[in-house]
């Protein structure tokens, strides 16, 4: 069974939760009432993922 997660709110906690779930293989939907916050969250997640990969804490 595939895991699916919806995260409401793309702030600091929301984007971190979404990234963690995605790294563990879940299909993630991230939503926020402010579209600009979703764009920022994607940038934060990309940066966080790079850092985790550099330290061997996430797959490349």
C-alpha atoms as a PDB file:
ATOM      1  CA  UNK A   1       0.000   0.000   0.000  1.00  0.00           C
ATOM      2  CA  UNK A   2       1.321   3.431  -0.937  1.00  0.00           C
ATOM      3  CA  UNK A   3       1.477   6.043   1.800  1.00  0.00           C
ATOM      4  CA  UNK A   4      -0.185   9.350   1.038  1.00  0.00           C
ATOM      5  CA  UNK A   5       0.124  12.454   3.182  1.00  0.00           C
ATOM      6  CA  UNK A   6      -1.501  15.878   2.982  1.00  0.00           C
ATOM      7  CA  UNK A   7       0.211  18.732   4.814  1.00  0.00           C
ATOM      8  CA  UNK A   8      -1.816  21.892   5.407  1.00  0.00           C
ATOM      9  CA  UNK A   9       0.418  24.927   5.789  1.00  0.00           C
ATOM     10  CA  UNK A  10       3.721  25.370   3.970  1.00  0.00           C
ATOM     11  CA  UNK A  11       5.564  27.291   6.675  1.00  0.00           C
ATOM     12  CA  UNK A  12       8.658  26.104   8.535  1.00  0.00           C
ATOM     13  CA  UNK A  13       7.008  23.060  10.099  1.00  0.00           C
ATOM     14  CA  UNK A  14       4.831  22.203   7.124  1.00  0.00           C
ATOM     15  CA  UNK A  15       7.619  22.139   4.576  1.00  0.00           C
ATOM     16  CA  UNK A  16       9.799  20.103   6.938  1.00  0.00           C
ATOM     17  CA  UNK A  17       7.064  17.544   7.522  1.00  0.00           C
ATOM     18  CA  UNK A  18       6.371  17.334   3.785  1.00  0.00           C
ATOM     19  CA  UNK A  19      10.067  16.847   2.999  1.00  0.00           C
ATOM     20  CA  UNK A  20      10.467  14.126   5.623  1.00  0.00           C
ATOM     21  CA  UNK A  21       7.433  12.251   4.331  1.00  0.00           C
ATOM     22  CA  UNK A  22       8.634  12.526   0.729  1.00  0.00           C
ATOM     23  CA  UNK A  23      12.105  11.237   1.654  1.00  0.00           C
ATOM     24  CA  UNK A  24      10.534   8.203   3.302  1.00  0.00           C
ATOM     25  CA  UNK A  25       8.622   7.434   0.101  1.00  0.00           C
ATOM     26  CA  UNK A  26       5.179   8.888   0.742  1.00  0.00           C
ATOM     27  CA  UNK A  27       3.240  10.741  -1.913  1.00  0.00           C
ATOM     28  CA  UNK A  28       2.807  14.243  -0.509  1.00  0.00           C
ATOM     29  CA  UNK A  29       0.368  17.056  -1.170  1.00  0.00           C
ATOM     30  CA  UNK A  30       1.457  20.354   0.390  1.00  0.00           C
ATOM     31  CA  UNK A  31      -1.096  23.148   0.499  1.00  0.00           C
ATOM     32  CA  UNK A  32      -1.245  26.680   1.848  1.00  0.00           C
ATOM     33  CA  UNK A  33      -3.739  29.525   1.570  1.00  0.00           C
ATOM     34  CA  UNK A  34      -0.960  31.769   0.205  1.00  0.00           C
ATOM     35  CA  UNK A  35       0.419  30.646  -3.188  1.00  0.00           C
ATOM     36  CA  UNK A  36       3.657  32.572  -2.611  1.00  0.00           C
ATOM     37  CA  UNK A  37       4.338  30.513   0.501  1.00  0.00           C
ATOM     38  CA  UNK A  38       4.133  27.325  -1.564  1.00  0.00           C
ATOM     39  CA  UNK A  39       6.791  28.694  -3.912  1.00  0.00           C
ATOM     40  CA  UNK A  40       9.017  29.587  -0.956  1.00  0.00           C
ATOM     41  CA  UNK A  41       8.441  26.166   0.589  1.00  0.00           C
ATOM     42  CA  UNK A  42       9.640  24.453  -2.586  1.00  0.00           C
ATOM     43  CA  UNK A  43      12.849  26.507  -2.516  1.00  0.00           C
ATOM     44  CA  UNK A  44      13.383  25.716   1.188  1.00  0.00           C
ATOM     45  CA  UNK A  45      12.756  22.022   0.574  1.00  0.00           C
ATOM     46  CA  UNK A  46      15.232  21.916  -2.312  1.00  0.00           C
ATOM     47  CA  UNK A  47      17.886  23.574  -0.144  1.00  0.00           C
ATOM     48  CA  UNK A  48      17.178  21.335   2.838  1.00  0.00           C
ATOM     49  CA  UNK A  49      17.287  18.244   0.627  1.00  0.00           C
ATOM     50  CA  UNK A  50      20.691  19.250  -0.781  1.00  0.00           C
ATOM     51  CA  UNK A  51      22.065  19.655   2.748  1.00  0.00           C
ATOM     52  CA  UNK A  52      20.669  16.287   3.841  1.00  0.00           C
ATOM     53  CA  UNK A  53      22.144  14.631   0.743  1.00  0.00           C
ATOM     54  CA  UNK A  54      25.562  16.212   1.339  1.00  0.00           C
ATOM     55  CA  UNK A  55      25.589  14.652   4.812  1.00  0.00           C
ATOM     56  CA  UNK A  56      24.354  11.273   3.590  1.00  0.00           C
ATOM     57  CA  UNK A  57      21.003  11.648   5.355  1.00  0.00           C
ATOM     58  CA  UNK A  58      18.822  11.484   2.235  1.00  0.00           C
ATOM     59  CA  UNK A  59      19.105   9.549  -1.017  1.00  0.00           C
ATOM     60  CA  UNK A  60      20.396  11.360  -4.086  1.00  0.00           C
END
